[in-house]
């Protein structure tokens, strides 16, 4: 039963990443960084204009970081609810579930599930 709960938790997290549109947000953040760098490399900008471009890009990237962090946290809610419910009902012990989730097979399963979900497989 513990392996079923652990597997479902990993799958729920992967689905949560996709539902939170994490890849799109990451791509948008990279586009902001690339655009800011391109503006900074323009030869005709004064030091004040470069500073403004750098500051504006940094502020936008910070807000995108906060959005990503909040969405990643939200992606953890469904598996946490599943784990807490199963632990409260006595199906699994939370210590044992945590121990299973950090073993190599489940780490690899988590990476595969997240990559597959993010690539829309």
PDB file of N, CA and C in Angstrom:
ATOM      1  N   UNK A   1       0.826  -1.195   0.000  1.00  0.00           N
ATOM      2  CA  UNK A   1       0.000   0.000   0.000  1.00  0.00           C
ATOM      3  C   UNK A   1       0.869   1.258   0.000  1.00  0.00           C
ATOM      4  N   UNK A   2       1.989   1.198   0.695  1.00  0.00           N
ATOM      5  CA  UNK A   2       2.848   2.374   0.794  1.00  0.00           C
ATOM      6  C   UNK A   2       3.421   2.747  -0.572  1.00  0.00           C
ATOM      7  N   UNK A   3       3.728   1.742  -1.388  1.00  0.00           N
ATOM      8  CA  UNK A   3       4.273   2.029  -2.720  1.00  0.00           C
ATOM      9  C   UNK A   3       3.199   2.614  -3.641  1.00  0.00           C
ATOM     10  N   UNK A   4       1.972   2.194  -3.469  1.00  0.00           N
ATOM     11  CA  UNK A   4       0.872   2.754  -4.250  1.00  0.00           C
ATOM     12  C   UNK A   4       0.676   4.233  -3.903  1.00  0.00           C
ATOM     13  N   UNK A   5       0.663   4.541  -2.619  1.00  0.00           N
ATOM     14  CA  UNK A   5       0.488   5.933  -2.183  1.00  0.00           C
ATOM     15  C   UNK A   5       1.668   6.790  -2.653  1.00  0.00           C
ATOM     16  N   UNK A   6       2.870   6.249  -2.545  1.00  0.00           N
ATOM     17  CA  UNK A   6       4.060   6.995  -2.990  1.00  0.00           C
ATOM     18  C   UNK A   6       4.000   7.236  -4.498  1.00  0.00           C
ATOM     19  N   UNK A   7       3.648   6.216  -5.253  1.00  0.00           N
ATOM     20  CA  UNK A   7       3.549   6.369  -6.708  1.00  0.00           C
ATOM     21  C   UNK A   7       2.479   7.370  -7.103  1.00  0.00           C
ATOM     22  N   UNK A   8       1.324   7.291  -6.452  1.00  0.00           N
ATOM     23  CA  UNK A   8       0.259   8.257  -6.747  1.00  0.00           C
ATOM     24  C   UNK A   8       0.682   9.680  -6.376  1.00  0.00           C
ATOM     25  N   UNK A   9       1.431   9.827  -5.302  1.00  0.00           N
ATOM     26  CA  UNK A   9       1.911  11.151  -4.911  1.00  0.00           C
ATOM     27  C   UNK A   9       2.829  11.742  -5.970  1.00  0.00           C
ATOM     28  N   UNK A  10       3.719  10.914  -6.489  1.00  0.00           N
ATOM     29  CA  UNK A  10       4.634  11.377  -7.531  1.00  0.00           C
ATOM     30  C   UNK A  10       3.862  11.772  -8.779  1.00  0.00           C
ATOM     31  N   UNK A  11       2.906  10.948  -9.164  1.00  0.00           N
ATOM     32  CA  UNK A  11       2.109  11.231 -10.364  1.00  0.00           C
ATOM     33  C   UNK A  11       1.276  12.502 -10.167  1.00  0.00           C
ATOM     34  N   UNK A  12       0.679  12.662  -8.993  1.00  0.00           N
ATOM     35  CA  UNK A  12      -0.091  13.880  -8.723  1.00  0.00           C
ATOM     36  C   UNK A  12       0.785  15.129  -8.783  1.00  0.00           C
ATOM     37  N   UNK A  13       2.009  15.033  -8.291  1.00  0.00           N
ATOM     38  CA  UNK A  13       2.913  16.180  -8.364  1.00  0.00           C
ATOM     39  C   UNK A  13       3.240  16.516  -9.812  1.00  0.00           C
ATOM     40  N   UNK A  14       3.511  15.492 -10.613  1.00  0.00           N
ATOM     41  CA  UNK A  14       3.833  15.724 -12.027  1.00  0.00           C
ATOM     42  C   UNK A  14       2.653  16.364 -12.758  1.00  0.00           C
ATOM     43  N   UNK A  15       1.467  15.885 -12.476  1.00  0.00           N
ATOM     44  CA  UNK A  15       0.276  16.475 -13.101  1.00  0.00           C
ATOM     45  C   UNK A  15       0.076  17.909 -12.610  1.00  0.00           C
ATOM     46  N   UNK A  16       0.361  18.147 -11.344  1.00  0.00           N
ATOM     47  CA  UNK A  16       0.258  19.500 -10.798  1.00  0.00           C
ATOM     48  C   UNK A  16       1.212  20.470 -11.474  1.00  0.00           C
ATOM     49  N   UNK A  17       2.425  19.992 -11.792  1.00  0.00           N
ATOM     50  CA  UNK A  17       3.371  20.848 -12.518  1.00  0.00           C
ATOM     51  C   UNK A  17       2.812  21.251 -13.870  1.00  0.00           C
ATOM     52  N   UNK A  18       2.228  20.296 -14.551  1.00  0.00           N
ATOM     53  CA  UNK A  18       1.676  20.581 -15.881  1.00  0.00           C
ATOM     54  C   UNK A  18       0.483  21.526 -15.773  1.00  0.00           C
ATOM     55  N   UNK A  19      -0.385  21.259 -14.799  1.00  0.00           N
ATOM     56  CA  UNK A  19      -1.573  22.099 -14.631  1.00  0.00           C
ATOM     57  C   UNK A  19      -1.197  23.527 -14.233  1.00  0.00           C
ATOM     58  N   UNK A  20      -0.096  23.669 -13.526  1.00  0.00           N
ATOM     59  CA  UNK A  20       0.354  24.995 -13.101  1.00  0.00           C
ATOM     60  C   UNK A  20       1.069  25.756 -14.211  1.00  0.00           C
ATOM     61  N   UNK A  21       1.248  25.115 -15.348  1.00  0.00           N
ATOM     62  CA  UNK A  21       1.884  25.725 -16.518  1.00  0.00           C
ATOM     63  C   UNK A  21       3.308  26.191 -16.208  1.00  0.00           C
ATOM     64  N   UNK A  22       4.041  25.362 -15.499  1.00  0.00           N
ATOM     65  CA  UNK A  22       5.418  25.673 -15.124  1.00  0.00           C
ATOM     66  C   UNK A  22       6.323  25.826 -16.355  1.00  0.00           C
ATOM     67  N   UNK A  23       6.214  24.938 -17.358  1.00  0.00           N
ATOM     68  CA  UNK A  23       7.113  25.104 -18.520  1.00  0.00           C
ATOM     69  C   UNK A  23       6.909  26.434 -19.239  1.00  0.00           C
ATOM     70  N   UNK A  24       5.658  26.825 -19.406  1.00  0.00           N
ATOM     71  CA  UNK A  24       5.380  28.079 -20.093  1.00  0.00           C
ATOM     72  C   UNK A  24       5.938  29.270 -19.321  1.00  0.00           C
ATOM     73  N   UNK A  25       5.809  29.209 -18.004  1.00  0.00           N
ATOM     74  CA  UNK A  25       6.330  30.306 -17.185  1.00  0.00           C
ATOM     75  C   UNK A  25       7.852  30.360 -17.252  1.00  0.00           C
ATOM     76  N   UNK A  26       8.493  29.213 -17.267  1.00  0.00           N
ATOM     77  CA  UNK A  26       9.946  29.177 -17.382  1.00  0.00           C
ATOM     78  C   UNK A  26      10.425  29.722 -18.709  1.00  0.00           C
ATOM     79  N   UNK A  27       9.728  29.359 -19.777  1.00  0.00           N
ATOM     80  CA  UNK A  27      10.085  29.854 -21.110  1.00  0.00           C
ATOM     81  C   UNK A  27       9.889  31.365 -21.182  1.00  0.00           C
ATOM     82  N   UNK A  28       8.815  31.857 -20.572  1.00  0.00           N
ATOM     83  CA  UNK A  28       8.573  33.306 -20.565  1.00  0.00           C
ATOM     84  C   UNK A  28       9.662  34.039 -19.773  1.00  0.00           C
ATOM     85  N   UNK A  29      10.098  33.460 -18.675  1.00  0.00           N
ATOM     86  CA  UNK A  29      11.173  34.082 -17.888  1.00  0.00           C
ATOM     87  C   UNK A  29      12.470  34.124 -18.695  1.00  0.00           C
ATOM     88  N   UNK A  30      12.756  33.055 -19.414  1.00  0.00           N
ATOM     89  CA  UNK A  30      13.949  33.059 -20.264  1.00  0.00           C
ATOM     90  C   UNK A  30      13.859  34.113 -21.357  1.00  0.00           C
ATOM     91  N   UNK A  31      12.666  34.307 -21.895  1.00  0.00           N
ATOM     92  CA  UNK A  31      12.482  35.330 -22.924  1.00  0.00           C
ATOM     93  C   UNK A  31      12.727  36.727 -22.361  1.00  0.00           C
ATOM     94  N   UNK A  32      12.282  36.958 -21.133  1.00  0.00           N
ATOM     95  CA  UNK A  32      12.515  38.256 -20.482  1.00  0.00           C
ATOM     96  C   UNK A  32      14.009  38.478 -20.293  1.00  0.00           C
ATOM     97  N   UNK A  33      14.703  37.455 -19.820  1.00  0.00           N
ATOM     98  CA  UNK A  33      16.147  37.585 -19.605  1.00  0.00           C
ATOM     99  C   UNK A  33      16.872  37.833 -20.920  1.00  0.00           C
ATOM    100  N   UNK A  34      16.476  37.112 -21.953  1.00  0.00           N
ATOM    101  CA  UNK A  34      17.108  37.275 -23.260  1.00  0.00           C
ATOM    102  C   UNK A  34      16.859  38.679 -23.817  1.00  0.00           C
ATOM    103  N   UNK A  35      15.625  39.172 -23.680  1.00  0.00           N
ATOM    104  CA  UNK A  35      15.298  40.514 -24.179  1.00  0.00           C
ATOM    105  C   UNK A  35      16.061  41.580 -23.403  1.00  0.00           C
ATOM    106  N   UNK A  36      16.170  41.414 -22.113  1.00  0.00           N
ATOM    107  CA  UNK A  36      16.920  42.386 -21.307  1.00  0.00           C
ATOM    108  C   UNK A  36      18.391  42.390 -21.694  1.00  0.00           C
ATOM    109  N   UNK A  37      18.954  41.215 -21.892  1.00  0.00           N
ATOM    110  CA  UNK A  37      20.356  41.135 -22.288  1.00  0.00           C
ATOM    111  C   UNK A  37      20.564  41.770 -23.663  1.00  0.00           C
ATOM    112  N   UNK A  38      19.612  41.530 -24.580  1.00  0.00           N
ATOM    113  CA  UNK A  38      19.726  42.120 -25.915  1.00  0.00           C
ATOM    114  C   UNK A  38      19.679  43.641 -25.840  1.00  0.00           C
ATOM    115  N   UNK A  39      18.805  44.178 -24.995  1.00  0.00           N
ATOM    116  CA  UNK A  39      18.725  45.637 -24.836  1.00  0.00           C
ATOM    117  C   UNK A  39      20.000  46.194 -24.223  1.00  0.00           C
ATOM    118  N   UNK A  40      20.559  45.455 -23.260  1.00  0.00           N
ATOM    119  CA  UNK A  40      21.782  45.925 -22.603  1.00  0.00           C
ATOM    120  C   UNK A  40      22.967  45.950 -23.554  1.00  0.00           C
ATOM    121  N   UNK A  41      22.935  45.118 -24.562  1.00  0.00           N
ATOM    122  CA  UNK A  41      24.078  45.060 -25.477  1.00  0.00           C
ATOM    123  C   UNK A  41      23.975  46.064 -26.627  1.00  0.00           C
ATOM    124  N   UNK A  42      22.917  46.855 -26.647  1.00  0.00           N
ATOM    125  CA  UNK A  42      22.802  47.885 -27.677  1.00  0.00           C
ATOM    126  C   UNK A  42      23.891  48.941 -27.463  1.00  0.00           C
ATOM    127  N   UNK A  43      24.618  49.293 -28.509  1.00  0.00           N
ATOM    128  CA  UNK A  43      25.754  50.213 -28.333  1.00  0.00           C
ATOM    129  C   UNK A  43      25.363  51.651 -28.024  1.00  0.00           C
ATOM    130  N   UNK A  44      24.185  52.092 -28.389  1.00  0.00           N
ATOM    131  CA  UNK A  44      23.836  53.498 -28.239  1.00  0.00           C
ATOM    132  C   UNK A  44      23.244  53.875 -26.892  1.00  0.00           C
ATOM    133  N   UNK A  45      23.122  52.950 -25.954  1.00  0.00           N
ATOM    134  CA  UNK A  45      22.498  53.266 -24.669  1.00  0.00           C
ATOM    135  C   UNK A  45      23.478  53.957 -23.725  1.00  0.00           C
ATOM    136  N   UNK A  46      22.941  54.936 -23.006  1.00  0.00           N
ATOM    137  CA  UNK A  46      23.759  55.599 -21.981  1.00  0.00           C
ATOM    138  C   UNK A  46      23.786  54.715 -20.737  1.00  0.00           C
ATOM    139  N   UNK A  47      24.608  55.068 -19.788  1.00  0.00           N
ATOM    140  CA  UNK A  47      24.705  54.292 -18.549  1.00  0.00           C
ATOM    141  C   UNK A  47      23.383  54.315 -17.777  1.00  0.00           C
ATOM    142  N   UNK A  48      22.715  55.454 -17.793  1.00  0.00           N
ATOM    143  CA  UNK A  48      21.428  55.554 -17.097  1.00  0.00           C
ATOM    144  C   UNK A  48      20.380  54.663 -17.760  1.00  0.00           C
ATOM    145  N   UNK A  49      20.364  54.657 -19.086  1.00  0.00           N
ATOM    146  CA  UNK A  49      19.415  53.799 -19.805  1.00  0.00           C
ATOM    147  C   UNK A  49      19.725  52.323 -19.559  1.00  0.00           C
ATOM    148  N   UNK A  50      20.984  51.965 -19.528  1.00  0.00           N
ATOM    149  CA  UNK A  50      21.375  50.576 -19.235  1.00  0.00           C
ATOM    150  C   UNK A  50      20.931  50.178 -17.822  1.00  0.00           C
ATOM    151  N   UNK A  51      21.109  51.098 -16.899  1.00  0.00           N
ATOM    152  CA  UNK A  51      20.699  50.815 -15.526  1.00  0.00           C
ATOM    153  C   UNK A  51      19.190  50.609 -15.441  1.00  0.00           C
ATOM    154  N   UNK A  52      18.429  51.441 -16.154  1.00  0.00           N
ATOM    155  CA  UNK A  52      16.971  51.309 -16.151  1.00  0.00           C
ATOM    156  C   UNK A  52      16.550  49.983 -16.765  1.00  0.00           C
ATOM    157  N   UNK A  53      17.163  49.609 -17.884  1.00  0.00           N
ATOM    158  CA  UNK A  53      16.842  48.337 -18.540  1.00  0.00           C
ATOM    159  C   UNK A  53      17.172  47.168 -17.613  1.00  0.00           C
ATOM    160  N   UNK A  54      18.317  47.223 -16.978  1.00  0.00           N
ATOM    161  CA  UNK A  54      18.715  46.147 -16.066  1.00  0.00           C
ATOM    162  C   UNK A  54      17.766  46.062 -14.879  1.00  0.00           C
ATOM    163  N   UNK A  55      17.401  47.207 -14.326  1.00  0.00           N
ATOM    164  CA  UNK A  55      16.490  47.228 -13.178  1.00  0.00           C
ATOM    165  C   UNK A  55      15.115  46.700 -13.560  1.00  0.00           C
ATOM    166  N   UNK A  56      14.583  47.155 -14.704  1.00  0.00           N
ATOM    167  CA  UNK A  56      13.270  46.693 -15.148  1.00  0.00           C
ATOM    168  C   UNK A  56      13.269  45.184 -15.399  1.00  0.00           C
ATOM    169  N   UNK A  57      14.319  44.691 -16.027  1.00  0.00           N
ATOM    170  CA  UNK A  57      14.418  43.247 -16.279  1.00  0.00           C
ATOM    171  C   UNK A  57      14.524  42.456 -14.990  1.00  0.00           C
ATOM    172  N   UNK A  58      15.289  42.977 -14.038  1.00  0.00           N
ATOM    173  CA  UNK A  58      15.449  42.291 -12.758  1.00  0.00           C
ATOM    174  C   UNK A  58      14.131  42.242 -11.986  1.00  0.00           C
ATOM    175  N   UNK A  59      13.387  43.332 -12.013  1.00  0.00           N
ATOM    176  CA  UNK A  59      12.097  43.366 -11.314  1.00  0.00           C
ATOM    177  C   UNK A  59      11.133  42.366 -11.950  1.00  0.00           C
ATOM    178  N   UNK A  60      11.069  42.354 -13.268  1.00  0.00           N
ATOM    179  CA  UNK A  60      10.169  41.420 -13.941  1.00  0.00           C
ATOM    180  C   UNK A  60      10.571  39.969 -13.683  1.00  0.00           C
ATOM    181  N   UNK A  61      11.863  39.689 -13.714  1.00  0.00           N
ATOM    182  CA  UNK A  61      12.327  38.329 -13.419  1.00  0.00           C
ATOM    183  C   UNK A  61      12.027  37.936 -11.979  1.00  0.00           C
ATOM    184  N   UNK A  62      12.126  38.883 -11.053  1.00  0.00           N
ATOM    185  CA  UNK A  62      11.807  38.582  -9.661  1.00  0.00           C
ATOM    186  C   UNK A  62      10.336  38.212  -9.516  1.00  0.00           C
ATOM    187  N   UNK A  63       9.446  38.971 -10.159  1.00  0.00           N
ATOM    188  CA  UNK A  63       8.019  38.654 -10.086  1.00  0.00           C
ATOM    189  C   UNK A  63       7.718  37.310 -10.741  1.00  0.00           C
ATOM    190  N   UNK A  64       8.397  37.009 -11.821  1.00  0.00           N
ATOM    191  CA  UNK A  64       8.214  35.695 -12.455  1.00  0.00           C
ATOM    192  C   UNK A  64       8.716  34.577 -11.542  1.00  0.00           C
ATOM    193  N   UNK A  65       9.823  34.830 -10.835  1.00  0.00           N
ATOM    194  CA  UNK A  65      10.320  33.859  -9.858  1.00  0.00           C
ATOM    195  C   UNK A  65       9.280  33.609  -8.771  1.00  0.00           C
ATOM    196  N   UNK A  66       8.691  34.682  -8.242  1.00  0.00           N
ATOM    197  CA  UNK A  66       7.663  34.519  -7.212  1.00  0.00           C
ATOM    198  C   UNK A  66       6.482  33.713  -7.739  1.00  0.00           C
ATOM    199  N   UNK A  67       6.067  33.995  -8.975  1.00  0.00           N
ATOM    200  CA  UNK A  67       4.976  33.226  -9.576  1.00  0.00           C
ATOM    201  C   UNK A  67       5.325  31.753  -9.713  1.00  0.00           C
ATOM    202  N   UNK A  68       6.542  31.474 -10.162  1.00  0.00           N
ATOM    203  CA  UNK A  68       6.978  30.074 -10.273  1.00  0.00           C
ATOM    204  C   UNK A  68       7.018  29.407  -8.904  1.00  0.00           C
ATOM    205  N   UNK A  69       7.533  30.093  -7.913  1.00  0.00           N
ATOM    206  CA  UNK A  69       7.620  29.521  -6.569  1.00  0.00           C
ATOM    207  C   UNK A  69       6.231  29.219  -6.008  1.00  0.00           C
ATOM    208  N   UNK A  70       5.299  30.130  -6.201  1.00  0.00           N
ATOM    209  CA  UNK A  70       3.938  29.900  -5.714  1.00  0.00           C
ATOM    210  C   UNK A  70       3.277  28.736  -6.448  1.00  0.00           C
ATOM    211  N   UNK A  71       3.477  28.660  -7.748  1.00  0.00           N
ATOM    212  CA  UNK A  71       2.874  27.561  -8.504  1.00  0.00           C
ATOM    213  C   UNK A  71       3.518  26.221  -8.169  1.00  0.00           C
ATOM    214  N   UNK A  72       4.822  26.221  -7.927  1.00  0.00           N
ATOM    215  CA  UNK A  72       5.471  24.978  -7.500  1.00  0.00           C
ATOM    216  C   UNK A  72       4.940  24.530  -6.143  1.00  0.00           C
ATOM    217  N   UNK A  73       4.729  25.487  -5.252  1.00  0.00           N
ATOM    218  CA  UNK A  73       4.157  25.164  -3.944  1.00  0.00           C
ATOM    219  C   UNK A  73       2.743  24.615  -4.105  1.00  0.00           C
ATOM    220  N   UNK A  74       1.966  25.218  -4.992  1.00  0.00           N
ATOM    221  CA  UNK A  74       0.605  24.730  -5.233  1.00  0.00           C
ATOM    222  C   UNK A  74       0.628  23.323  -5.827  1.00  0.00           C
ATOM    223  N   UNK A  75       1.652  23.003  -6.586  1.00  0.00           N
ATOM    224  CA  UNK A  75       1.761  21.658  -7.166  1.00  0.00           C
ATOM    225  C   UNK A  75       1.995  20.599  -6.101  1.00  0.00           C
ATOM    226  N   UNK A  76       2.494  21.007  -4.963  1.00  0.00           N
ATOM    227  CA  UNK A  76       2.733  20.068  -3.862  1.00  0.00           C
ATOM    228  C   UNK A  76       1.483  19.796  -3.022  1.00  0.00           C
ATOM    229  N   UNK A  77       0.451  20.603  -3.185  1.00  0.00           N
ATOM    230  CA  UNK A  77      -0.734  20.460  -2.342  1.00  0.00           C
ATOM    231  C   UNK A  77      -1.465  19.130  -2.576  1.00  0.00           C
ATOM    232  N   UNK A  78      -1.798  18.735  -3.825  1.00  0.00           N
ATOM    233  CA  UNK A  78      -2.519  17.464  -3.991  1.00  0.00           C
ATOM    234  C   UNK A  78      -1.777  16.241  -3.437  1.00  0.00           C
ATOM    235  N   UNK A  79      -0.464  16.070  -3.712  1.00  0.00           N
ATOM    236  CA  UNK A  79       0.189  14.912  -3.101  1.00  0.00           C
ATOM    237  C   UNK A  79       0.274  15.014  -1.573  1.00  0.00           C
ATOM    238  N   UNK A  80       0.382  16.219  -1.050  1.00  0.00           N
ATOM    239  CA  UNK A  80       0.420  16.376   0.402  1.00  0.00           C
ATOM    240  C   UNK A  80      -0.923  15.997   1.028  1.00  0.00           C
ATOM    241  N   UNK A  81      -2.004  16.382   0.363  1.00  0.00           N
ATOM    242  CA  UNK A  81      -3.334  16.009   0.858  1.00  0.00           C
ATOM    243  C   UNK A  81      -3.502  14.496   0.815  1.00  0.00           C
ATOM    244  N   UNK A  82      -3.072  13.862  -0.271  1.00  0.00           N
ATOM    245  CA  UNK A  82      -3.155  12.402  -0.376  1.00  0.00           C
ATOM    246  C   UNK A  82      -2.355  11.741   0.744  1.00  0.00           C
ATOM    247  N   UNK A  83      -1.130  12.179   0.942  1.00  0.00           N
ATOM    248  CA  UNK A  83      -0.274  11.583   1.974  1.00  0.00           C
ATOM    249  C   UNK A  83      -0.864  11.799   3.364  1.00  0.00           C
ATOM    250  N   UNK A  84      -1.346  12.996   3.635  1.00  0.00           N
ATOM    251  CA  UNK A  84      -1.913  13.287   4.948  1.00  0.00           C
ATOM    252  C   UNK A  84      -3.184  12.479   5.198  1.00  0.00           C
ATOM    253  N   UNK A  85      -4.005  12.350   4.178  1.00  0.00           N
ATOM    254  CA  UNK A  85      -5.238  11.576   4.310  1.00  0.00           C
ATOM    255  C   UNK A  85      -4.932  10.103   4.569  1.00  0.00           C
ATOM    256  N   UNK A  86      -3.997   9.567   3.809  1.00  0.00           N
ATOM    257  CA  UNK A  86      -3.632   8.153   3.990  1.00  0.00           C
ATOM    258  C   UNK A  86      -2.974   7.920   5.347  1.00  0.00           C
ATOM    259  N   UNK A  87      -2.181   8.871   5.792  1.00  0.00           N
ATOM    260  CA  UNK A  87      -1.541   8.735   7.100  1.00  0.00           C
ATOM    261  C   UNK A  87      -2.575   8.860   8.230  1.00  0.00           C
ATOM    262  N   UNK A  88      -3.505   9.790   8.079  1.00  0.00           N
ATOM    263  CA  UNK A  88      -4.529   9.983   9.106  1.00  0.00           C
ATOM    264  C   UNK A  88      -5.474   8.792   9.195  1.00  0.00           C
ATOM    265  N   UNK A  89      -5.726   8.149   8.059  1.00  0.00           N
ATOM    266  CA  UNK A  89      -6.635   6.992   8.060  1.00  0.00           C
ATOM    267  C   UNK A  89      -5.934   5.709   8.496  1.00  0.00           C
ATOM    268  N   UNK A  90      -4.623   5.772   8.638  1.00  0.00           N
ATOM    269  CA  UNK A  90      -3.884   4.596   9.086  1.00  0.00           C
ATOM    270  C   UNK A  90      -3.440   3.663   7.974  1.00  0.00           C
ATOM    271  N   UNK A  91      -3.640   4.060   6.718  1.00  0.00           N
ATOM    272  CA  UNK A  91      -3.207   3.209   5.607  1.00  0.00           C
ATOM    273  C   UNK A  91      -1.688   3.117   5.537  1.00  0.00           C
ATOM    274  N   UNK A  92      -1.016   4.225   5.799  1.00  0.00           N
ATOM    275  CA  UNK A  92       0.447   4.251   5.791  1.00  0.00           C
ATOM    276  C   UNK A  92       0.918   5.108   6.957  1.00  0.00           C
ATOM    277  N   UNK A  93       2.149   4.887   7.357  1.00  0.00           N
ATOM    278  CA  UNK A  93       2.775   5.753   8.349  1.00  0.00           C
ATOM    279  C   UNK A  93       3.558   6.814   7.592  1.00  0.00           C
ATOM    280  N   UNK A  94       3.458   8.053   8.037  1.00  0.00           N
ATOM    281  CA  UNK A  94       4.092   9.151   7.303  1.00  0.00           C
ATOM    282  C   UNK A  94       5.611   8.998   7.256  1.00  0.00           C
ATOM    283  N   UNK A  95       6.213   8.458   8.306  1.00  0.00           N
ATOM    284  CA  UNK A  95       7.663   8.255   8.310  1.00  0.00           C
ATOM    285  C   UNK A  95       8.082   7.247   7.242  1.00  0.00           C
ATOM    286  N   UNK A  96       7.308   6.165   7.140  1.00  0.00           N
ATOM    287  CA  UNK A  96       7.621   5.144   6.130  1.00  0.00           C
ATOM    288  C   UNK A  96       7.420   5.699   4.721  1.00  0.00           C
ATOM    289  N   UNK A  97       6.363   6.475   4.529  1.00  0.00           N
ATOM    290  CA  UNK A  97       6.104   7.067   3.213  1.00  0.00           C
ATOM    291  C   UNK A  97       7.239   8.015   2.828  1.00  0.00           C
ATOM    292  N   UNK A  98       7.678   8.833   3.756  1.00  0.00           N
ATOM    293  CA  UNK A  98       8.787   9.747   3.478  1.00  0.00           C
ATOM    294  C   UNK A  98      10.055   8.964   3.144  1.00  0.00           C
ATOM    295  N   UNK A  99      10.287   7.869   3.848  1.00  0.00           N
ATOM    296  CA  UNK A  99      11.469   7.048   3.578  1.00  0.00           C
ATOM    297  C   UNK A  99      11.414   6.423   2.191  1.00  0.00           C
ATOM    298  N   UNK A 100      10.237   5.997   1.767  1.00  0.00           N
ATOM    299  CA  UNK A 100      10.090   5.399   0.431  1.00  0.00           C
ATOM    300  C   UNK A 100      10.263   6.459  -0.656  1.00  0.00           C
ATOM    301  N   UNK A 101       9.726   7.651  -0.427  1.00  0.00           N
ATOM    302  CA  UNK A 101       9.780   8.695  -1.452  1.00  0.00           C
ATOM    303  C   UNK A 101      11.193   9.188  -1.738  1.00  0.00           C
ATOM    304  N   UNK A 102      12.133   8.993  -0.832  1.00  0.00           N
ATOM    305  CA  UNK A 102      13.503   9.462  -1.066  1.00  0.00           C
ATOM    306  C   UNK A 102      14.437   8.334  -1.518  1.00  0.00           C
ATOM    307  N   UNK A 103      13.895   7.165  -1.835  1.00  0.00           N
ATOM    308  CA  UNK A 103      14.726   6.093  -2.370  1.00  0.00           C
ATOM    309  C   UNK A 103      14.960   6.345  -3.856  1.00  0.00           C
ATOM    310  N   UNK A 104      16.041   5.775  -4.370  1.00  0.00           N
ATOM    311  CA  UNK A 104      16.394   5.991  -5.776  1.00  0.00           C
ATOM    312  C   UNK A 104      15.292   5.618  -6.756  1.00  0.00           C
ATOM    313  N   UNK A 105      14.603   4.488  -6.582  1.00  0.00           N
ATOM    314  CA  UNK A 105      13.552   4.170  -7.554  1.00  0.00           C
ATOM    315  C   UNK A 105      12.470   5.250  -7.646  1.00  0.00           C
ATOM    316  N   UNK A 106      12.089   5.822  -6.496  1.00  0.00           N
ATOM    317  CA  UNK A 106      11.048   6.844  -6.547  1.00  0.00           C
ATOM    318  C   UNK A 106      11.576   8.197  -6.993  1.00  0.00           C
ATOM    319  N   UNK A 107      12.829   8.481  -6.736  1.00  0.00           N
ATOM    320  CA  UNK A 107      13.421   9.709  -7.269  1.00  0.00           C
ATOM    321  C   UNK A 107      13.460   9.624  -8.792  1.00  0.00           C
ATOM    322  N   UNK A 108      13.902   8.483  -9.319  1.00  0.00           N
ATOM    323  CA  UNK A 108      13.947   8.291 -10.773  1.00  0.00           C
ATOM    324  C   UNK A 108      12.539   8.308 -11.348  1.00  0.00           C
ATOM    325  N   UNK A 109      11.590   7.638 -10.689  1.00  0.00           N
ATOM    326  CA  UNK A 109      10.195   7.666 -11.139  1.00  0.00           C
ATOM    327  C   UNK A 109       9.669   9.092 -11.163  1.00  0.00           C
ATOM    328  N   UNK A 110      10.001   9.872 -10.146  1.00  0.00           N
ATOM    329  CA  UNK A 110       9.552  11.263 -10.094  1.00  0.00           C
ATOM    330  C   UNK A 110      10.114  12.093 -11.228  1.00  0.00           C
ATOM    331  N   UNK A 111      11.387  11.912 -11.520  1.00  0.00           N
ATOM    332  CA  UNK A 111      12.004  12.653 -12.621  1.00  0.00           C
ATOM    333  C   UNK A 111      11.362  12.259 -13.945  1.00  0.00           C
ATOM    334  N   UNK A 112      11.188  10.962 -14.159  1.00  0.00           N
ATOM    335  CA  UNK A 112      10.566  10.490 -15.405  1.00  0.00           C
ATOM    336  C   UNK A 112       9.133  11.005 -15.522  1.00  0.00           C
ATOM    337  N   UNK A 113       8.371  10.923 -14.444  1.00  0.00           N
ATOM    338  CA  UNK A 113       6.977  11.379 -14.480  1.00  0.00           C
ATOM    339  C   UNK A 113       6.894  12.882 -14.741  1.00  0.00           C
ATOM    340  N   UNK A 114       7.760  13.649 -14.105  1.00  0.00           N
ATOM    341  CA  UNK A 114       7.728  15.101 -14.299  1.00  0.00           C
ATOM    342  C   UNK A 114       8.154  15.481 -15.714  1.00  0.00           C
ATOM    343  N   UNK A 115       9.212  14.865 -16.212  1.00  0.00           N
ATOM    344  CA  UNK A 115       9.667  15.172 -17.570  1.00  0.00           C
ATOM    345  C   UNK A 115       8.607  14.753 -18.581  1.00  0.00           C
ATOM    346  N   UNK A 116       8.037  13.575 -18.408  1.00  0.00           N
ATOM    347  CA  UNK A 116       6.995  13.111 -19.333  1.00  0.00           C
ATOM    348  C   UNK A 116       5.785  14.023 -19.311  1.00  0.00           C
ATOM    349  N   UNK A 117       5.379  14.441 -18.135  1.00  0.00           N
ATOM    350  CA  UNK A 117       4.229  15.330 -18.022  1.00  0.00           C
ATOM    351  C   UNK A 117       4.522  16.697 -18.613  1.00  0.00           C
ATOM    352  N   UNK A 118       5.723  17.212 -18.342  1.00  0.00           N
ATOM    353  CA  UNK A 118       6.068  18.539 -18.839  1.00  0.00           C
ATOM    354  C   UNK A 118       6.248  18.539 -20.359  1.00  0.00           C
ATOM    355  N   UNK A 119       6.629  17.396 -20.923  1.00  0.00           N
ATOM    356  CA  UNK A 119       6.781  17.298 -22.377  1.00  0.00           C
ATOM    357  C   UNK A 119       5.477  16.893 -23.068  1.00  0.00           C
ATOM    358  N   UNK A 120       4.403  16.767 -22.272  1.00  0.00           N
ATOM    359  CA  UNK A 120       3.062  16.415 -22.785  1.00  0.00           C
ATOM    360  C   UNK A 120       3.003  15.030 -23.378  1.00  0.00           C
ATOM    361  N   UNK A 121       3.690  14.091 -22.774  1.00  0.00           N
ATOM    362  CA  UNK A 121       3.591  12.701 -23.232  1.00  0.00           C
ATOM    363  C   UNK A 121       2.347  12.079 -22.689  1.00  0.00           C
TER     364      UNK A 121
END
